[in-house]
Amino acid sequence: MSGPAYEVVRRVFGRTAVKAWIGAHRRWVLGGGAAVAAVAVVGVVVATTGGSGGGRSIPPTRARAYTEEQVCLLTPEHGLADASVGPVWAGMQDASAKTHAKVSYLAVAGEQSAGNAAPYLASLAGRKCTVVLTVGAAPEGAVALDGPKFPKTRFLVVEGAGGKKSVGANVQALASTGDGDVRSKVASAVESALQG
């Protein structure tokens, strides 16, 4: 080491004292030099890349952003495994892809009667389902019994053989004829119900 500051310190404290202090504090001296070097490297990298991370960008999110609207399905006991439910569920998913409404289903457990299905229907209406679809005689009968009690909920009844006729200002019947036809009818009806 040399320079005017070193000479002043050496004259005041002596050469041996300065060497002893530097030896004792070598880690600080070397660490300070390493820190200065690291800051310099980071500064050069940021200056050359413009701070943008080397031209990389964050990929767009893959998650679907849903709206507040919900479309719910009330099914017989076997839920989505029931053959008559499959095309309806597929149509609901098609409509969800276009409208970004959430879709869900609930299966009626136990006795398959309108009276037993009514509490399940009420729970869907209580969950603020914008549109409730029903498949099967018991869920269809529940709409006939209790549909008018929930005027803010739209009901789409996929009619099959043996079900009760559902009536009401908030009830729309969809005749089931063929799988492809049911799927497209359901998708169209759900989209219309969500718009109006």
Protein backbone atom coordinates (compact mmCIF):
# COMPACT_ATOMS: atom_id res chain seq x y z
CA MET A 1 0.00 0.00 0.00
CA SER A 2 1.09 3.52 -0.71
CA GLY A 3 -0.29 6.99 -1.14
CA PRO A 4 -0.67 10.12 0.99
CA ALA A 5 -3.34 8.67 3.30
CA TYR A 6 -1.21 5.62 4.00
CA GLU A 7 1.80 7.77 4.79
CA VAL A 8 -0.19 9.88 7.29
CA VAL A 9 -1.56 6.79 9.05
CA ARG A 10 1.93 5.18 9.06
CA ARG A 11 3.52 8.27 10.60
CA VAL A 12 0.84 8.56 13.30
CA PHE A 13 0.42 4.90 14.23
CA GLY A 14 3.55 3.33 12.85
CA ARG A 15 4.08 0.85 10.09
CA THR A 16 3.55 -2.19 12.29
CA ALA A 17 0.18 -0.95 13.60
CA VAL A 18 -1.17 -0.35 10.07
CA LYS A 19 -0.13 -3.82 8.92
CA ALA A 20 -1.69 -5.37 12.02
CA TRP A 21 -4.99 -3.50 11.46
CA ILE A 22 -5.14 -4.57 7.77
CA GLY A 23 -4.33 -8.18 8.74
CA ALA A 24 -7.00 -8.21 11.42
CA HIS A 25 -9.61 -6.68 9.12
CA ARG A 26 -8.64 -8.48 5.91
CA ARG A 27 -12.11 -10.01 5.56
CA TRP A 28 -13.70 -6.56 5.63
CA VAL A 29 -11.25 -5.18 3.13
CA LEU A 30 -11.65 -8.14 0.74
CA GLY A 31 -15.42 -8.35 1.32
CA GLY A 32 -15.82 -4.66 0.56
CA GLY A 33 -13.90 -5.15 -2.67
CA ALA A 34 -16.07 -8.15 -3.62
CA ALA A 35 -19.26 -6.18 -2.88
CA VAL A 36 -18.10 -3.30 -5.08
CA ALA A 37 -17.30 -5.77 -7.87
CA ALA A 38 -20.73 -7.45 -7.57
CA VAL A 39 -22.56 -4.12 -7.72
CA ALA A 40 -20.55 -3.21 -10.80
CA VAL A 41 -21.45 -6.48 -12.56
CA VAL A 42 -25.17 -6.03 -11.78
CA GLY A 43 -24.99 -2.45 -13.04
CA VAL A 44 -23.43 -3.58 -16.32
CA VAL A 45 -26.06 -6.33 -16.81
CA VAL A 46 -28.95 -3.96 -16.13
CA ALA A 47 -27.45 -1.30 -18.40
CA THR A 48 -26.95 -3.70 -21.31
CA THR A 49 -30.32 -5.47 -21.07
CA GLY A 50 -32.37 -2.44 -20.18
CA GLY A 51 -33.57 -4.16 -16.98
CA SER A 52 -36.10 -6.25 -18.91
CA GLY A 53 -34.73 -9.62 -17.83
CA GLY A 54 -32.93 -10.38 -21.07
CA GLY A 55 -35.93 -9.93 -23.38
CA ARG A 56 -38.01 -12.61 -21.63
CA SER A 57 -41.68 -12.00 -21.00
CA ILE A 58 -44.17 -13.67 -18.70
CA PRO A 59 -46.44 -16.08 -20.59
CA PRO A 60 -50.18 -15.39 -20.55
CA THR A 61 -52.22 -17.16 -17.90
CA ARG A 62 -53.86 -20.45 -18.85
CA ALA A 63 -56.59 -20.25 -16.25
CA ARG A 64 -60.04 -19.28 -17.45
CA ALA A 65 -61.38 -16.12 -15.85
CA TYR A 66 -64.99 -16.80 -14.87
CA THR A 67 -67.82 -14.32 -14.57
CA GLU A 68 -70.06 -14.13 -11.50
CA GLU A 69 -72.76 -16.14 -13.28
CA GLN A 70 -73.26 -19.80 -12.44
CA VAL A 71 -74.99 -22.50 -14.43
CA CYS A 72 -75.98 -25.49 -12.31
CA LEU A 73 -77.28 -28.93 -13.21
CA LEU A 74 -79.59 -31.04 -11.04
CA THR A 75 -79.31 -34.71 -11.99
CA PRO A 76 -80.74 -38.06 -10.91
CA GLU A 77 -78.86 -40.22 -8.42
CA HIS A 78 -76.02 -41.34 -10.73
CA GLY A 79 -74.95 -37.80 -11.61
CA LEU A 80 -72.73 -37.43 -14.65
CA ALA A 81 -72.59 -41.22 -15.11
CA ASP A 82 -76.26 -41.20 -16.17
CA ALA A 83 -76.43 -41.54 -19.98
CA SER A 84 -79.11 -38.84 -20.32
CA VAL A 85 -76.95 -36.33 -18.43
CA GLY A 86 -73.80 -36.55 -20.60
CA PRO A 87 -75.03 -34.47 -23.56
CA VAL A 88 -76.55 -31.86 -21.23
CA TRP A 89 -73.27 -31.50 -19.29
CA ALA A 90 -71.33 -31.23 -22.57
CA GLY A 91 -73.69 -28.48 -23.75
CA MET A 92 -73.21 -26.63 -20.47
CA GLN A 93 -69.45 -26.80 -20.90
CA ASP A 94 -69.75 -25.51 -24.47
CA ALA A 95 -71.77 -22.57 -23.21
CA SER A 96 -69.27 -21.94 -20.41
CA ALA A 97 -66.42 -21.78 -22.92
CA LYS A 98 -68.26 -18.96 -24.72
CA THR A 99 -69.77 -17.08 -21.77
CA HIS A 100 -67.20 -17.83 -19.02
CA ALA A 101 -69.99 -18.78 -16.60
CA LYS A 102 -69.08 -21.35 -13.96
CA VAL A 103 -70.74 -24.76 -14.33
CA SER A 104 -71.45 -27.31 -11.61
CA TYR A 105 -73.81 -30.18 -10.89
CA LEU A 106 -75.61 -31.75 -7.97
CA ALA A 107 -77.07 -35.27 -7.91
CA VAL A 108 -80.29 -36.08 -6.05
CA ALA A 109 -79.47 -38.77 -3.51
CA GLY A 110 -81.96 -41.27 -2.15
CA GLU A 111 -85.54 -41.58 -3.31
CA GLN A 112 -86.00 -40.25 -6.84
CA SER A 113 -89.15 -38.20 -6.27
CA ALA A 114 -90.08 -34.57 -6.78
CA GLY A 115 -90.47 -34.09 -3.04
CA ASN A 116 -87.00 -35.46 -2.33
CA ALA A 117 -85.44 -33.46 -5.18
CA ALA A 118 -87.02 -30.15 -4.05
CA PRO A 119 -84.41 -29.41 -1.30
CA TYR A 120 -81.62 -30.03 -3.81
CA LEU A 121 -83.26 -27.57 -6.20
CA ALA A 122 -83.58 -25.04 -3.38
CA SER A 123 -79.90 -25.40 -2.51
CA LEU A 124 -78.91 -24.61 -6.12
CA ALA A 125 -81.18 -21.56 -6.14
CA GLY A 126 -79.72 -20.57 -2.75
CA ARG A 127 -76.19 -20.81 -4.19
CA LYS A 128 -77.21 -18.02 -6.57
CA CYS A 129 -77.18 -20.20 -9.69
CA THR A 130 -78.21 -17.90 -12.53
CA VAL A 131 -79.52 -20.84 -14.56
CA VAL A 132 -80.49 -24.30 -13.27
CA LEU A 133 -80.86 -27.18 -15.70
CA THR A 134 -82.64 -30.37 -14.72
CA VAL A 135 -82.47 -33.87 -16.17
CA GLY A 136 -84.70 -36.73 -15.04
CA ALA A 137 -88.18 -37.12 -13.66
CA ALA A 138 -87.40 -36.23 -10.02
CA PRO A 139 -85.51 -32.98 -10.75
CA GLU A 140 -88.10 -32.05 -13.38
CA GLY A 141 -90.88 -32.64 -10.83
CA ALA A 142 -89.04 -30.45 -8.30
CA VAL A 143 -89.08 -27.56 -10.79
CA ALA A 144 -92.83 -28.07 -11.27
CA LEU A 145 -93.32 -27.94 -7.48
CA ASP A 146 -90.88 -25.21 -6.43
CA GLY A 147 -89.66 -23.38 -9.56
CA PRO A 148 -92.00 -20.41 -9.06
CA LYS A 149 -90.58 -19.88 -5.53
CA PHE A 150 -87.31 -18.72 -7.10
CA PRO A 151 -88.23 -16.00 -9.61
CA LYS A 152 -84.63 -14.75 -10.02
CA THR A 153 -83.44 -18.19 -11.16
CA ARG A 154 -83.95 -19.38 -14.75
CA PHE A 155 -84.84 -23.06 -15.07
CA LEU A 156 -84.11 -25.08 -18.19
CA VAL A 157 -85.86 -28.45 -18.01
CA VAL A 158 -84.57 -31.12 -20.36
CA GLU A 159 -87.76 -33.11 -20.77
CA GLY A 160 -87.75 -36.86 -20.95
CA ALA A 161 -90.50 -39.44 -20.94
CA GLY A 162 -92.56 -39.63 -17.78
CA GLY A 163 -91.67 -36.27 -16.26
CA LYS A 164 -94.14 -33.69 -14.97
CA LYS A 165 -94.74 -30.65 -17.13
CA SER A 166 -92.98 -27.65 -15.65
CA VAL A 167 -94.64 -24.29 -16.01
CA GLY A 168 -93.74 -20.78 -14.95
CA ALA A 169 -92.36 -17.51 -16.26
CA ASN A 170 -88.84 -18.56 -15.28
CA VAL A 171 -89.09 -22.10 -16.71
CA GLN A 172 -88.17 -23.19 -20.23
CA ALA A 173 -88.60 -26.74 -21.52
CA LEU A 174 -86.09 -28.34 -23.88
CA ALA A 175 -87.23 -31.49 -25.67
CA SER A 176 -84.56 -34.20 -25.78
CA THR A 177 -84.37 -35.92 -29.16
CA GLY A 178 -80.77 -36.95 -29.93
CA ASP A 179 -77.41 -36.57 -28.18
CA GLY A 180 -75.92 -34.06 -30.64
CA ASP A 181 -79.20 -32.19 -30.79
CA VAL A 182 -79.50 -32.00 -26.98
CA ARG A 183 -75.94 -30.73 -26.60
CA SER A 184 -76.41 -27.89 -29.08
CA LYS A 185 -79.89 -27.04 -27.74
CA VAL A 186 -78.55 -26.85 -24.18
CA ALA A 187 -75.56 -24.69 -25.19
CA SER A 188 -77.80 -22.31 -27.11
CA ALA A 189 -80.44 -22.16 -24.36
CA VAL A 190 -77.84 -21.50 -21.66
CA GLU A 191 -76.23 -18.71 -23.69
CA SER A 192 -79.66 -17.14 -24.29
CA ALA A 193 -80.64 -17.44 -20.62
CA LEU A 194 -77.41 -15.77 -19.51
CA GLN A 195 -77.92 -12.88 -21.93
CA GLY A 196 -81.53 -12.21 -21.03
